[in-house]
Protein backbone atom coordinates (compact mmCIF):
# COMPACT_ATOMS: atom_id res chain seq x y z
CA UNK A 1 23.73 105.06 18.21
CA UNK A 2 26.94 103.02 18.45
CA UNK A 3 28.61 102.48 21.84
CA UNK A 4 31.96 100.88 22.58
CA UNK A 5 32.31 98.34 25.40
CA UNK A 6 34.65 98.94 28.36
CA UNK A 7 38.30 98.14 27.70
CA UNK A 8 38.27 94.73 29.38
CA UNK A 9 35.40 93.57 27.12
CA UNK A 10 36.85 94.93 23.86
CA UNK A 11 38.60 91.61 23.03
CA UNK A 12 35.15 89.97 23.02
CA UNK A 13 32.62 92.65 22.02
CA UNK A 14 33.23 95.06 19.13
CA UNK A 15 30.40 97.47 19.93
CA UNK A 16 26.74 97.89 20.80
CA UNK A 17 24.25 99.46 18.39
CA UNK A 18 20.88 100.87 19.50
CA UNK A 19 18.29 101.19 16.72
CA UNK A 20 14.77 102.53 16.97
CA UNK A 21 12.06 102.72 14.33
CA UNK A 22 8.98 104.89 14.85
CA UNK A 23 7.41 104.10 11.48
CA UNK A 24 4.50 101.70 11.01
CA UNK A 25 5.31 100.65 7.45
CA UNK A 26 7.25 97.64 6.19
CA UNK A 27 11.01 98.11 5.84
CA UNK A 28 13.45 95.87 3.97
CA UNK A 29 16.74 95.45 5.84
CA UNK A 30 19.99 93.74 4.91
CA UNK A 31 22.68 92.47 7.28
CA UNK A 32 25.90 91.61 5.47
CA UNK A 33 29.06 89.97 6.68
CA UNK A 34 31.77 91.81 8.57
CA UNK A 35 33.25 88.57 9.94
CA UNK A 36 31.47 89.02 13.27
CA UNK A 37 28.78 87.08 15.07
CA UNK A 38 26.32 88.78 17.37
CA UNK A 39 23.17 89.06 19.45
CA UNK A 40 19.98 90.97 18.61
CA UNK A 41 17.89 91.94 21.65
CA UNK A 42 14.38 93.31 21.34
CA UNK A 43 11.20 93.48 23.36
CA UNK A 44 8.72 94.44 20.64
CA UNK A 45 10.08 93.68 17.19
CA UNK A 46 8.23 92.12 14.26
CA UNK A 47 11.15 90.95 12.16
CA UNK A 48 10.78 88.39 9.37
CA UNK A 49 13.29 86.45 7.32
CA UNK A 50 13.42 87.98 3.85
CA UNK A 51 13.64 84.62 2.09
CA UNK A 52 11.07 82.49 3.94
CA UNK A 53 9.01 85.22 5.66
CA UNK A 54 9.33 83.25 8.91
CA UNK A 55 9.02 85.42 11.99
CA UNK A 56 12.31 85.84 13.82
CA UNK A 57 12.60 85.36 17.61
CA UNK A 58 12.40 88.56 19.65
CA UNK A 59 16.02 88.00 20.63
CA UNK A 60 18.49 85.82 18.76
CA UNK A 61 22.14 85.02 18.18
CA UNK A 62 23.50 84.98 14.65
CA UNK A 63 26.59 83.14 13.49
CA UNK A 64 29.20 84.53 11.12
CA UNK A 65 27.76 85.10 7.65
CA UNK A 66 29.16 83.90 4.33
CA UNK A 67 27.43 86.78 2.59
CA UNK A 68 24.25 88.61 3.58
CA UNK A 69 20.77 88.05 5.03
CA UNK A 70 17.63 90.02 4.20
CA UNK A 71 14.90 90.80 6.71
CA UNK A 72 11.56 92.61 6.66
CA UNK A 73 10.54 94.79 9.60
CA UNK A 74 6.83 95.44 10.18
CA UNK A 75 5.88 98.30 12.48
CA UNK A 76 7.74 100.06 15.27
CA UNK A 77 10.64 98.50 17.11
CA UNK A 78 13.64 99.20 19.30
CA UNK A 79 16.60 96.86 19.48
CA UNK A 80 20.14 96.52 20.73
CA UNK A 81 22.63 94.69 18.54
CA UNK A 82 25.63 93.32 20.42
CA UNK A 83 28.31 92.86 17.77
CA UNK A 84 30.75 90.21 18.96
CA UNK A 85 34.34 89.62 18.07
CA UNK A 86 34.09 86.62 15.71
CA UNK A 87 35.14 83.98 18.27
CA UNK A 88 32.95 85.18 21.17
CA UNK A 89 29.85 83.27 20.10
CA UNK A 90 31.90 80.07 20.29
CA UNK A 91 32.78 81.00 23.88
CA UNK A 92 29.17 81.78 24.80
CA UNK A 93 27.50 78.77 23.20
CA UNK A 94 30.42 76.31 23.53
CA UNK A 95 29.79 74.85 20.09
CA UNK A 96 31.57 74.83 16.74
CA UNK A 97 31.24 78.13 14.88
CA UNK A 98 31.01 76.14 11.62
CA UNK A 99 27.79 74.50 12.85
CA UNK A 100 26.14 77.86 13.52
CA UNK A 101 27.56 79.75 10.53
CA UNK A 102 24.74 81.59 8.68
CA UNK A 103 22.35 80.40 11.40
CA UNK A 104 19.91 82.29 13.61
CA UNK A 105 19.42 80.79 17.08
CA UNK A 106 16.72 81.87 19.50
CA UNK A 107 18.32 83.35 22.63
CA UNK A 108 15.64 81.68 24.75
CA UNK A 109 16.62 78.25 23.41
CA UNK A 110 20.24 78.50 24.52
CA UNK A 111 20.17 80.91 27.47
CA UNK A 112 16.72 80.18 28.91
CA UNK A 113 15.53 83.32 30.74
CA UNK A 114 18.95 84.93 31.28
CA UNK A 115 18.33 87.62 28.65
CA UNK A 116 14.65 88.17 29.39
CA UNK A 117 15.37 91.07 31.74
CA UNK A 118 17.01 93.01 28.89
CA UNK A 119 14.04 92.35 26.60
CA UNK A 120 11.68 93.69 29.26
CA UNK A 121 13.76 96.85 29.68
CA UNK A 122 13.67 97.45 25.93
CA UNK A 123 9.91 96.88 25.90
CA UNK A 124 9.49 99.38 28.76
CA UNK A 125 11.63 101.99 26.95
CA UNK A 126 14.42 102.02 29.54
CA UNK A 127 17.34 104.27 28.63
CA UNK A 128 19.47 102.11 26.28
CA UNK A 129 22.67 103.34 27.96
CA UNK A 130 21.49 101.76 31.23
CA UNK A 131 20.65 98.52 29.43
CA UNK A 132 24.11 98.44 27.84
CA UNK A 133 25.67 99.11 31.26
CA UNK A 134 23.84 96.05 32.60
CA UNK A 135 24.88 93.98 29.57
CA UNK A 136 28.51 94.88 30.29
CA UNK A 137 28.06 93.49 33.81
CA UNK A 138 26.38 90.36 32.42
CA UNK A 139 29.21 89.60 29.97
CA UNK A 140 31.90 90.45 32.53
CA UNK A 141 30.41 87.92 34.94
CA UNK A 142 30.21 85.31 32.17
CA UNK A 143 33.88 85.80 31.26
CA UNK A 144 35.06 85.47 34.86
CA UNK A 145 35.30 81.70 34.28
CA UNK A 146 38.38 82.23 32.09
CA UNK A 147 39.27 81.77 28.43
CA UNK A 148 41.20 78.96 26.75
CA UNK A 149 44.62 79.42 25.13
CA UNK A 150 43.10 78.64 21.74
CA UNK A 151 40.90 81.71 21.96
CA UNK A 152 43.94 83.85 22.74
CA UNK A 153 45.66 82.38 19.67
CA UNK A 154 42.69 83.16 17.40
CA UNK A 155 42.49 86.70 18.83
CA UNK A 156 46.20 87.24 18.06
CA UNK A 157 45.76 86.05 14.47
CA UNK A 158 42.72 88.29 14.08
CA UNK A 159 44.75 91.33 15.20
CA UNK A 160 47.55 90.36 12.81
CA UNK A 161 45.07 90.23 9.92
CA UNK A 162 43.51 93.55 10.93
CA UNK A 163 46.91 95.25 11.15
CA UNK A 164 47.65 94.08 7.60
CA UNK A 165 44.17 95.05 6.33
CA UNK A 166 43.41 91.42 5.54
CA UNK A 167 46.23 90.97 3.03
CA UNK A 168 48.43 88.22 4.50
CA UNK A 169 49.94 85.30 2.56
CA UNK A 170 49.68 81.72 3.80
CA UNK A 171 53.46 81.65 4.26
CA UNK A 172 53.42 84.79 6.42
CA UNK A 173 50.55 83.39 8.46
CA UNK A 174 52.46 80.17 9.09
CA UNK A 175 55.57 82.14 10.05
CA UNK A 176 53.55 84.32 12.45
CA UNK A 177 51.85 81.40 14.22
CA UNK A 178 54.22 78.48 13.77
CA UNK A 179 51.31 76.30 12.58
CA UNK A 180 50.60 74.70 9.21
CA UNK A 181 47.97 76.16 6.89
CA UNK A 182 45.62 73.20 7.42
CA UNK A 183 45.95 73.36 11.21
CA UNK A 184 45.08 77.07 11.17
CA UNK A 185 42.10 76.43 8.89
CA UNK A 186 40.71 73.84 11.32
CA UNK A 187 41.17 76.20 14.29
CA UNK A 188 39.58 79.14 12.49
CA UNK A 189 36.65 77.09 11.23
CA UNK A 190 35.91 75.78 14.73
CA UNK A 191 36.24 79.10 16.56
CA UNK A 192 35.15 81.62 13.89
CA UNK A 193 33.28 79.58 11.28
CA UNK A 194 35.45 80.36 8.26
CA UNK A 195 39.02 80.01 7.02
CA UNK A 196 41.71 82.64 7.72
CA UNK A 197 41.70 83.44 3.97
CA UNK A 198 37.94 84.11 3.93
CA UNK A 199 38.19 86.22 7.08
CA UNK A 200 41.10 88.18 5.58
CA UNK A 201 39.02 88.85 2.46
CA UNK A 202 36.22 90.27 4.63
CA UNK A 203 38.66 92.52 6.48
CA UNK A 204 39.99 93.79 3.14
CA UNK A 205 36.45 94.44 1.90
CA UNK A 206 35.61 96.43 5.02
CA UNK A 207 38.81 98.41 4.68
CA UNK A 208 37.59 99.35 1.20
CA UNK A 209 34.21 100.28 2.72
CA UNK A 210 35.99 102.58 5.18
CA UNK A 211 37.70 104.29 2.25
CA UNK A 212 34.53 104.90 0.23
CA UNK A 213 32.48 105.89 3.29
CA UNK A 214 34.79 108.76 4.19
CA UNK A 215 34.20 112.35 3.13
CA UNK A 216 36.09 112.24 -0.17
CA UNK A 217 33.70 113.72 -2.74
CA UNK A 218 35.44 112.48 -5.89
CA UNK A 219 35.71 108.75 -5.20
CA UNK A 220 37.98 107.07 -7.76
CA UNK A 221 36.89 103.44 -7.37
CA UNK A 222 39.83 102.02 -9.29
CA UNK A 223 42.36 103.90 -7.15
CA UNK A 224 40.60 102.96 -3.90
CA UNK A 225 40.35 99.30 -4.92
CA UNK A 226 44.14 99.18 -5.47
CA UNK A 227 44.60 101.03 -2.16
CA UNK A 228 42.60 98.27 -0.43
CA UNK A 229 44.78 95.55 -1.97
CA UNK A 230 42.62 94.34 -4.88
CA UNK A 231 44.46 93.29 -8.03
CA UNK A 232 41.84 94.90 -10.26
CA UNK A 233 38.45 96.59 -10.05
CA UNK A 234 36.55 93.60 -11.45
CA UNK A 235 37.88 91.46 -8.58
CA UNK A 236 36.61 94.04 -6.09
CA UNK A 237 33.15 94.21 -7.68
CA UNK A 238 32.90 90.41 -7.64
CA UNK A 239 33.80 90.28 -3.92
CA UNK A 240 31.45 93.17 -3.19
CA UNK A 241 28.46 91.53 -4.87
CA UNK A 242 29.15 88.12 -3.31
CA UNK A 243 29.30 89.56 0.20
CA UNK A 244 26.88 92.50 0.06
CA UNK A 245 24.65 91.74 -2.92
CA UNK A 246 25.27 95.21 -4.38
CA UNK A 247 27.88 96.97 -6.47
CA UNK A 248 30.00 99.64 -4.71
CA UNK A 249 27.97 102.40 -6.42
CA UNK A 250 24.67 100.84 -5.37
CA UNK A 251 25.95 100.62 -1.81
CA UNK A 252 27.01 104.27 -1.84
CA UNK A 253 23.56 105.27 -3.10
CA UNK A 254 21.85 103.43 -0.24
CA UNK A 255 20.16 106.15 1.78
CA UNK A 256 19.88 104.63 5.24
CA UNK A 257 23.04 102.95 6.53
CA UNK A 258 22.01 102.02 10.07
CA UNK A 259 25.43 100.51 10.70
CA UNK A 260 28.43 99.78 8.52
CA UNK A 261 27.03 96.34 7.69
CA UNK A 262 23.29 96.93 8.28
CA UNK A 263 21.40 98.87 5.62
CA UNK A 264 17.84 99.62 4.56
CA UNK A 265 17.15 98.46 1.02
């Protein structure tokens, strides 16, 4: 279940996702980059890092990803994923997005007990729509302190990249903002955790995903890759494997897509 935030929170939160698993077996899950950061809230989840098998915190923030992260889920769980606009984690944690890129940070370590009430509601099987309503109030109150001009600048550049499906030259970016390429890179790395070029590549990749995930039965990969702005199909496959760890055909054959960037392996 995917739920949009109210209009005034849309510049900061992309959407909420509620996921529930009633199975007792072990499931392999993959979260891959969409350029966003986020928050995972749970009251009863046994989630382990796929690489180290370390147990994840019940609730945690994750920074923007360079590629993908694998997890293993053991037993039943219910969770709410709050998918942030890329720069919102910088606002929440007041630290460089580069320092927390690819990182998982326990919510308890940075927000003490402020999120505990939401964990308890998930544990007690409260209607997720009510929990999301309360989260909207929580984030609205947090944002009442105001936002810096730099965040408004980054949000404007993000919208410019989205409108152009990620395909924007350095010259056009400089013309749009009035800043040099290096200045923009420093801003983006601090507030989002990656360069404008890397973020644009992710937007382009997800535009391609939107094309192959639609209802077209006869998917001509070469045509769709050109449609998404790739110079050739081999370039697309390289980007796809670097960011998702699969080829486009392997991704399409994945049975359980829990969200556009969260799949069961």
